[in-house]
Amino acid sequence: YAKGWIEPRKLVACTDSVTCFAIGLGGTVYSGLRDCTVRVWSGGNEIWRLEGHTRYVLALAVGPDGTVYSGSYDTTIRVWSGEDGTHIRTLSGHDGAVCALAVGLNHKLYSGSGDKTIRVWSTRDGAHIQTLEGHTEAVGVLLLGLDGRVYSGSNDSTIRVWSGDDGAHLQTLEGHTEGVTSLVWGPDGKLYSGSHDCTIRVWSDGGTTIFKTTESGIYSLAW
């Protein structure tokens, strides 16, 4: 391996399909599984197993204070302590699976769902702040901008942009022809999106262009 690279390590204690993962403080790894659990790993070893969801886990996010959030097909979000894995609270309100989570620096948690909405929650006490509506299909991916804006990708093939201050809808980005599955910021500061339409698009103030075309749908992007 090249200097500075870390040799990959396989985490072998999972007995079911891994559906999502997140990296926490200190390099702790969280993996969500179809067996309804969240596994917590440190140094390649499983240290905790978070149980409580009744359907498989679809989304994970870690807040700046280390708090862990898990979204599930059971329509709930469970909040866990990053220090010892203790269950703190359960957030209920969605009418469909919770497919995406994002934690802002403004003490807000955003959750995207199969019910076509994005719900905004207070990370301080779990209170529901507001519901963002506009997508016509499931919301499967969320991304936060450095400017505080919220970006949501949906099976309706669009990306919608929302104000992080008051939740106002600011813009709809159109270009994909099938569901948007992934969003990421590139090293050039531009937004990149992956879709079931087999393309990766790059977005700028001037519109969108196809960055890359693949032979099959895009399910995840990372830089």
C-alpha atoms as a PDB file:
ATOM      1  CA  TYR A   1       0.000   0.000   0.000  1.00  0.00           C
ATOM      2  CA  ALA A   2       1.155   3.533  -0.737  1.00  0.00           C
ATOM      3  CA  LYS A   3       2.633   5.579   2.055  1.00  0.00           C
ATOM      4  CA  GLY A   4      -0.097   7.105   4.199  1.00  0.00           C
ATOM      5  CA  TRP A   5      -2.725   4.542   3.176  1.00  0.00           C
ATOM      6  CA  ILE A   6      -4.279   2.199   5.702  1.00  0.00           C
ATOM      7  CA  GLU A   7      -4.624  -1.460   4.844  1.00  0.00           C
ATOM      8  CA  PRO A   8      -8.320  -2.369   4.423  1.00  0.00           C
ATOM      9  CA  ARG A   9      -9.835  -4.393   7.234  1.00  0.00           C
ATOM     10  CA  LYS A  10     -12.857  -6.621   6.882  1.00  0.00           C
ATOM     11  CA  LEU A  11     -15.532  -6.430   9.588  1.00  0.00           C
ATOM     12  CA  VAL A  12     -16.801  -9.995   9.720  1.00  0.00           C
ATOM     13  CA  ALA A  13     -19.331 -10.138  12.554  1.00  0.00           C
ATOM     14  CA  CYS A  14     -22.287  -9.038  10.390  1.00  0.00           C
ATOM     15  CA  THR A  15     -24.652 -11.909   9.648  1.00  0.00           C
ATOM     16  CA  ASP A  16     -27.019 -10.033   7.340  1.00  0.00           C
ATOM     17  CA  SER A  17     -26.821  -7.492   4.523  1.00  0.00           C
ATOM     18  CA  VAL A  18     -25.314  -4.105   5.376  1.00  0.00           C
ATOM     19  CA  THR A  19     -27.614  -1.338   4.124  1.00  0.00           C
ATOM     20  CA  CYS A  20     -25.782   1.794   5.288  1.00  0.00           C
ATOM     21  CA  PHE A  21     -22.844   3.015   7.305  1.00  0.00           C
ATOM     22  CA  ALA A  22     -21.452   6.143   8.945  1.00  0.00           C
ATOM     23  CA  ILE A  23     -18.170   7.239  10.491  1.00  0.00           C
ATOM     24  CA  GLY A  24     -18.284   8.704  13.986  1.00  0.00           C
ATOM     25  CA  LEU A  25     -15.877  10.546  16.236  1.00  0.00           C
ATOM     26  CA  GLY A  26     -12.480   8.920  16.595  1.00  0.00           C
ATOM     27  CA  GLY A  27     -13.040   6.766  13.531  1.00  0.00           C
ATOM     28  CA  THR A  28     -15.785   4.649  15.065  1.00  0.00           C
ATOM     29  CA  VAL A  29     -17.753   2.871  12.328  1.00  0.00           C
ATOM     30  CA  TYR A  30     -21.525   2.360  12.449  1.00  0.00           C
ATOM     31  CA  SER A  31     -23.229  -0.125  10.117  1.00  0.00           C
ATOM     32  CA  GLY A  32     -26.971  -0.569   9.647  1.00  0.00           C
ATOM     33  CA  LEU A  33     -28.256  -4.027   8.805  1.00  0.00           C
ATOM     34  CA  ARG A  34     -31.337  -5.745   7.467  1.00  0.00           C
ATOM     35  CA  ASP A  35     -31.526  -7.635  10.782  1.00  0.00           C
ATOM     36  CA  CYS A  36     -32.801  -4.372  12.363  1.00  0.00           C
ATOM     37  CA  THR A  37     -29.598  -3.660  14.292  1.00  0.00           C
ATOM     38  CA  VAL A  38     -26.856  -1.074  14.198  1.00  0.00           C
ATOM     39  CA  ARG A  39     -23.386  -2.525  14.735  1.00  0.00           C
ATOM     40  CA  VAL A  40     -20.651  -0.332  16.211  1.00  0.00           C
ATOM     41  CA  TRP A  41     -16.999  -1.014  15.381  1.00  0.00           C
ATOM     42  CA  SER A  42     -13.679   0.224  16.720  1.00  0.00           C
ATOM     43  CA  GLY A  43     -10.285  -1.056  15.658  1.00  0.00           C
ATOM     44  CA  GLY A  44     -11.964  -3.667  13.490  1.00  0.00           C
ATOM     45  CA  ASN A  45     -13.888  -5.170  16.403  1.00  0.00           C
ATOM     46  CA  GLU A  46     -17.588  -4.966  17.182  1.00  0.00           C
ATOM     47  CA  ILE A  47     -17.982  -3.104  20.470  1.00  0.00           C
ATOM     48  CA  TRP A  48     -21.759  -2.524  20.656  1.00  0.00           C
ATOM     49  CA  ARG A  49     -24.929  -3.703  19.042  1.00  0.00           C
ATOM     50  CA  LEU A  50     -27.788  -1.190  19.040  1.00  0.00           C
ATOM     51  CA  GLU A  51     -31.180  -2.887  19.049  1.00  0.00           C
ATOM     52  CA  GLY A  52     -34.699  -1.531  18.987  1.00  0.00           C
ATOM     53  CA  HIS A  53     -35.811  -1.075  15.380  1.00  0.00           C
ATOM     54  CA  THR A  54     -38.435  -3.548  14.189  1.00  0.00           C
ATOM     55  CA  ARG A  55     -37.603  -3.349  10.456  1.00  0.00           C
ATOM     56  CA  TYR A  56     -34.275  -3.062   8.693  1.00  0.00           C
ATOM     57  CA  VAL A  57     -32.110   0.013   9.132  1.00  0.00           C
ATOM     58  CA  LEU A  58     -31.832   2.220   6.033  1.00  0.00           C
ATOM     59  CA  ALA A  59     -29.981   5.361   7.125  1.00  0.00           C
ATOM     60  CA  LEU A  60     -27.362   6.467   9.640  1.00  0.00           C
ATOM     61  CA  ALA A  61     -25.917   9.834  10.607  1.00  0.00           C
ATOM     62  CA  VAL A  62     -23.586  11.058  13.331  1.00  0.00           C
ATOM     63  CA  GLY A  63     -23.898  14.527  14.812  1.00  0.00           C
ATOM     64  CA  PRO A  64     -20.969  16.848  15.601  1.00  0.00           C
ATOM     65  CA  ASP A  65     -21.309  15.886  19.273  1.00  0.00           C
ATOM     66  CA  GLY A  66     -21.097  12.168  18.462  1.00  0.00           C
ATOM     67  CA  THR A  67     -24.816  11.434  18.837  1.00  0.00           C
ATOM     68  CA  VAL A  68     -25.926   8.670  16.468  1.00  0.00           C
ATOM     69  CA  TYR A  69     -29.185   8.692  14.485  1.00  0.00           C
ATOM     70  CA  SER A  70     -30.659   5.642  12.733  1.00  0.00           C
ATOM     71  CA  GLY A  71     -33.587   5.605  10.319  1.00  0.00           C
ATOM     72  CA  SER A  72     -35.551   2.477   9.568  1.00  0.00           C
ATOM     73  CA  TYR A  73     -38.155   0.892   7.369  1.00  0.00           C
ATOM     74  CA  ASP A  74     -40.270   0.838  10.556  1.00  0.00           C
ATOM     75  CA  THR A  75     -40.796   4.624   9.900  1.00  0.00           C
ATOM     76  CA  THR A  76     -38.950   5.743  13.059  1.00  0.00           C
ATOM     77  CA  ILE A  77     -35.665   7.441  13.862  1.00  0.00           C
ATOM     78  CA  ARG A  78     -33.829   6.245  16.931  1.00  0.00           C
ATOM     79  CA  VAL A  79     -31.306   8.436  18.733  1.00  0.00           C
ATOM     80  CA  TRP A  80     -28.321   6.848  20.482  1.00  0.00           C
ATOM     81  CA  SER A  81     -25.500   8.051  22.707  1.00  0.00           C
ATOM     82  CA  GLY A  82     -22.160   7.993  20.926  1.00  0.00           C
ATOM     83  CA  GLU A  83     -20.437   7.445  24.262  1.00  0.00           C
ATOM     84  CA  ASP A  84     -22.015   4.161  25.336  1.00  0.00           C
ATOM     85  CA  GLY A  85     -24.731   3.291  22.807  1.00  0.00           C
ATOM     86  CA  THR A  86     -27.595   4.083  25.166  1.00  0.00           C
ATOM     87  CA  HIS A  87     -30.956   4.692  23.479  1.00  0.00           C
ATOM     88  CA  ILE A  88     -31.913   8.329  24.092  1.00  0.00           C
ATOM     89  CA  ARG A  89     -35.243   8.742  22.286  1.00  0.00           C
ATOM     90  CA  THR A  90     -37.340   7.650  19.318  1.00  0.00           C
ATOM     91  CA  LEU A  91     -38.660  10.140  16.765  1.00  0.00           C
ATOM     92  CA  SER A  92     -41.980   9.249  15.138  1.00  0.00           C
ATOM     93  CA  GLY A  93     -44.014  11.056  12.506  1.00  0.00           C
ATOM     94  CA  HIS A  94     -43.123   9.730   9.069  1.00  0.00           C
ATOM     95  CA  ASP A  95     -45.707   7.613   7.255  1.00  0.00           C
ATOM     96  CA  GLY A  96     -43.086   5.737   5.244  1.00  0.00           C
ATOM     97  CA  ALA A  97     -39.624   4.275   5.605  1.00  0.00           C
ATOM     98  CA  VAL A  98     -36.897   6.675   6.737  1.00  0.00           C
ATOM     99  CA  CYS A  99     -34.432   6.504   3.841  1.00  0.00           C
ATOM    100  CA  ALA A 100     -32.007   9.372   4.511  1.00  0.00           C
ATOM    101  CA  LEU A 101     -30.650  11.388   7.429  1.00  0.00           C
ATOM    102  CA  ALA A 102     -28.458  14.484   7.708  1.00  0.00           C
ATOM    103  CA  VAL A 103     -27.379  16.452  10.781  1.00  0.00           C
ATOM    104  CA  GLY A 104     -26.802  20.183  10.486  1.00  0.00           C
ATOM    105  CA  LEU A 105     -24.644  22.462  12.591  1.00  0.00           C
ATOM    106  CA  ASN A 106     -27.788  24.452  13.404  1.00  0.00           C
ATOM    107  CA  HIS A 107     -29.053  21.842  15.890  1.00  0.00           C
ATOM    108  CA  LYS A 108     -31.348  20.388  13.232  1.00  0.00           C
ATOM    109  CA  LEU A 109     -31.790  16.816  12.023  1.00  0.00           C
ATOM    110  CA  TYR A 110     -33.235  16.248   8.534  1.00  0.00           C
ATOM    111  CA  SER A 111     -34.949  12.986   7.582  1.00  0.00           C
ATOM    112  CA  GLY A 112     -36.056  11.931   4.108  1.00  0.00           C
ATOM    113  CA  SER A 113     -38.771   9.335   3.731  1.00  0.00           C
ATOM    114  CA  GLY A 114     -40.762   7.105   1.476  1.00  0.00           C
ATOM    115  CA  ASP A 115     -43.739   9.301   2.367  1.00  0.00           C
ATOM    116  CA  LYS A 116     -42.228  11.939  -0.027  1.00  0.00           C
ATOM    117  CA  THR A 117     -41.420  14.424   2.739  1.00  0.00           C
ATOM    118  CA  ILE A 118     -38.445  15.763   4.637  1.00  0.00           C
ATOM    119  CA  ARG A 119     -39.016  16.294   8.319  1.00  0.00           C
ATOM    120  CA  VAL A 120     -36.912  18.681  10.382  1.00  0.00           C
ATOM    121  CA  TRP A 121     -36.222  17.889  14.039  1.00  0.00           C
ATOM    122  CA  SER A 122     -34.437  19.604  16.905  1.00  0.00           C
ATOM    123  CA  THR A 123     -31.351  17.677  17.956  1.00  0.00           C
ATOM    124  CA  ARG A 124     -31.639  19.267  21.387  1.00  0.00           C
ATOM    125  CA  ASP A 125     -34.932  17.657  22.433  1.00  0.00           C
ATOM    126  CA  GLY A 126     -36.234  15.740  19.407  1.00  0.00           C
ATOM    127  CA  ALA A 127     -39.087  18.164  18.775  1.00  0.00           C
ATOM    128  CA  HIS A 128     -40.558  18.230  15.263  1.00  0.00           C
ATOM    129  CA  ILE A 129     -39.875  21.653  13.752  1.00  0.00           C
ATOM    130  CA  GLN A 130     -41.437  21.457  10.290  1.00  0.00           C
ATOM    131  CA  THR A 131     -42.149  19.259   7.283  1.00  0.00           C
ATOM    132  CA  LEU A 132     -40.777  20.078   3.831  1.00  0.00           C
ATOM    133  CA  GLU A 133     -43.071  19.019   1.003  1.00  0.00           C
ATOM    134  CA  GLY A 134     -42.719  19.124  -2.766  1.00  0.00           C
ATOM    135  CA  HIS A 135     -41.202  15.866  -3.963  1.00  0.00           C
ATOM    136  CA  THR A 136     -43.650  13.519  -5.674  1.00  0.00           C
ATOM    137  CA  GLU A 137     -41.771  10.295  -4.850  1.00  0.00           C
ATOM    138  CA  ALA A 138     -39.637   8.934  -2.012  1.00  0.00           C
ATOM    139  CA  VAL A 139     -36.752  11.061  -0.735  1.00  0.00           C
ATOM    140  CA  GLY A 140     -33.721   8.785  -0.688  1.00  0.00           C
ATOM    141  CA  VAL A 141     -30.730  11.063  -0.174  1.00  0.00           C
ATOM    142  CA  LEU A 142     -29.935  14.287   1.698  1.00  0.00           C
ATOM    143  CA  LEU A 143     -26.871  16.523   1.597  1.00  0.00           C
ATOM    144  CA  LEU A 144     -26.044  19.726   3.453  1.00  0.00           C
ATOM    145  CA  GLY A 145     -24.201  22.651   1.916  1.00  0.00           C
ATOM    146  CA  LEU A 146     -21.592  24.825   3.597  1.00  0.00           C
ATOM    147  CA  ASP A 147     -23.988  27.713   3.067  1.00  0.00           C
ATOM    148  CA  GLY A 148     -26.572  25.955   5.244  1.00  0.00           C
ATOM    149  CA  ARG A 149     -28.787  24.891   2.352  1.00  0.00           C
ATOM    150  CA  VAL A 150     -30.310  21.420   2.267  1.00  0.00           C
ATOM    151  CA  TYR A 151     -30.263  19.302  -0.915  1.00  0.00           C
ATOM    152  CA  SER A 152     -32.685  16.396  -1.344  1.00  0.00           C
ATOM    153  CA  GLY A 153     -32.646  13.743  -4.046  1.00  0.00           C
ATOM    154  CA  SER A 154     -35.787  11.800  -4.878  1.00  0.00           C
ATOM    155  CA  ASN A 155     -37.153   8.943  -6.926  1.00  0.00           C
ATOM    156  CA  ASP A 156     -39.052  11.651  -8.827  1.00  0.00           C
ATOM    157  CA  SER A 157     -35.701  12.329 -10.630  1.00  0.00           C
ATOM    158  CA  THR A 158     -35.237  15.816  -9.164  1.00  0.00           C
ATOM    159  CA  ILE A 159     -33.001  17.493  -6.610  1.00  0.00           C
ATOM    160  CA  ARG A 160     -34.679  20.137  -4.516  1.00  0.00           C
ATOM    161  CA  VAL A 161     -32.822  22.875  -2.649  1.00  0.00           C
ATOM    162  CA  TRP A 162     -34.142  24.216   0.660  1.00  0.00           C
ATOM    163  CA  SER A 163     -33.180  27.000   3.026  1.00  0.00           C
ATOM    164  CA  GLY A 164     -31.572  25.728   6.209  1.00  0.00           C
ATOM    165  CA  ASP A 165     -32.959  28.741   8.067  1.00  0.00           C
ATOM    166  CA  ASP A 166     -36.697  28.534   7.444  1.00  0.00           C
ATOM    167  CA  GLY A 167     -37.124  25.492   5.166  1.00  0.00           C
ATOM    168  CA  ALA A 168     -38.253  27.552   2.177  1.00  0.00           C
ATOM    169  CA  HIS A 169     -37.994  25.824  -1.199  1.00  0.00           C
ATOM    170  CA  LEU A 170     -35.328  27.668  -3.179  1.00  0.00           C
ATOM    171  CA  GLN A 171     -34.815  25.710  -6.383  1.00  0.00           C
ATOM    172  CA  THR A 172     -35.507  22.449  -8.214  1.00  0.00           C
ATOM    173  CA  LEU A 173     -32.648  20.920 -10.199  1.00  0.00           C
ATOM    174  CA  GLU A 174     -33.831  18.898 -13.186  1.00  0.00           C
ATOM    175  CA  GLY A 175     -31.796  16.795 -15.579  1.00  0.00           C
ATOM    176  CA  HIS A 176     -31.887  13.200 -14.432  1.00  0.00           C
ATOM    177  CA  THR A 177     -34.488  10.951 -16.028  1.00  0.00           C
ATOM    178  CA  GLU A 178     -34.760   8.440 -13.183  1.00  0.00           C
ATOM    179  CA  GLY A 179     -34.462   8.466  -9.408  1.00  0.00           C
ATOM    180  CA  VAL A 180     -31.602  10.350  -7.751  1.00  0.00           C
ATOM    181  CA  THR A 181     -29.721   7.992  -5.432  1.00  0.00           C
ATOM    182  CA  SER A 182     -26.665   9.922  -4.281  1.00  0.00           C
ATOM    183  CA  LEU A 183     -25.318  13.428  -3.763  1.00  0.00           C
ATOM    184  CA  VAL A 184     -21.768  14.540  -2.957  1.00  0.00           C
ATOM    185  CA  TRP A 185     -19.625  17.669  -3.028  1.00  0.00           C
ATOM    186  CA  GLY A 186     -16.655  17.409  -5.373  1.00  0.00           C
ATOM    187  CA  PRO A 187     -13.176  18.803  -4.673  1.00  0.00           C
ATOM    188  CA  ASP A 188     -14.056  21.617  -7.076  1.00  0.00           C
ATOM    189  CA  GLY A 189     -16.897  22.683  -4.780  1.00  0.00           C
ATOM    190  CA  LYS A 190     -19.555  21.571  -7.247  1.00  0.00           C
ATOM    191  CA  LEU A 191     -22.501  19.284  -6.585  1.00  0.00           C
ATOM    192  CA  TYR A 192     -22.391  15.809  -8.130  1.00  0.00           C
ATOM    193  CA  SER A 193     -25.410  13.490  -8.309  1.00  0.00           C
ATOM    194  CA  GLY A 194     -25.836   9.823  -9.165  1.00  0.00           C
ATOM    195  CA  SER A 195     -28.995   8.273 -10.545  1.00  0.00           C
ATOM    196  CA  HIS A 196     -30.685   5.093 -11.682  1.00  0.00           C
ATOM    197  CA  ASP A 197     -30.481   6.621 -15.174  1.00  0.00           C
ATOM    198  CA  CYS A 198     -26.808   5.484 -15.287  1.00  0.00           C
ATOM    199  CA  THR A 199     -25.352   8.986 -15.182  1.00  0.00           C
ATOM    200  CA  ILE A 200     -23.381  11.141 -12.797  1.00  0.00           C
ATOM    201  CA  ARG A 201     -24.248  14.788 -13.262  1.00  0.00           C
ATOM    202  CA  VAL A 202     -22.350  17.869 -12.152  1.00  0.00           C
ATOM    203  CA  TRP A 203     -24.243  21.027 -11.273  1.00  0.00           C
ATOM    204  CA  SER A 204     -23.221  24.666 -11.343  1.00  0.00           C
ATOM    205  CA  ASP A 205     -24.859  28.066 -11.642  1.00  0.00           C
ATOM    206  CA  GLY A 206     -24.866  27.548 -15.396  1.00  0.00           C
ATOM    207  CA  GLY A 207     -26.924  24.366 -15.234  1.00  0.00           C
ATOM    208  CA  THR A 208     -25.944  20.704 -15.424  1.00  0.00           C
ATOM    209  CA  THR A 209     -23.807  18.461 -17.587  1.00  0.00           C
ATOM    210  CA  ILE A 210     -23.188  14.724 -17.590  1.00  0.00           C
ATOM    211  CA  PHE A 211     -19.901  14.020 -15.832  1.00  0.00           C
ATOM    212  CA  LYS A 212     -19.887  10.281 -16.505  1.00  0.00           C
ATOM    213  CA  THR A 213     -22.151   7.601 -17.973  1.00  0.00           C
ATOM    214  CA  THR A 214     -22.097   4.045 -16.623  1.00  0.00           C
ATOM    215  CA  GLU A 215     -23.515   0.720 -17.758  1.00  0.00           C
ATOM    216  CA  SER A 216     -25.749   0.386 -14.720  1.00  0.00           C
ATOM    217  CA  GLY A 217     -27.479   2.634 -12.236  1.00  0.00           C
ATOM    218  CA  ILE A 218     -25.488   4.624  -9.680  1.00  0.00           C
ATOM    219  CA  TYR A 219     -26.184   3.722  -6.058  1.00  0.00           C
ATOM    220  CA  SER A 220     -23.507   5.610  -4.154  1.00  0.00           C
ATOM    221  CA  LEU A 221     -20.961   8.387  -4.675  1.00  0.00           C
ATOM    222  CA  ALA A 222     -17.951   9.405  -2.592  1.00  0.00           C
ATOM    223  CA  TRP A 223     -14.967  11.609  -3.183  1.00  0.00           C
END
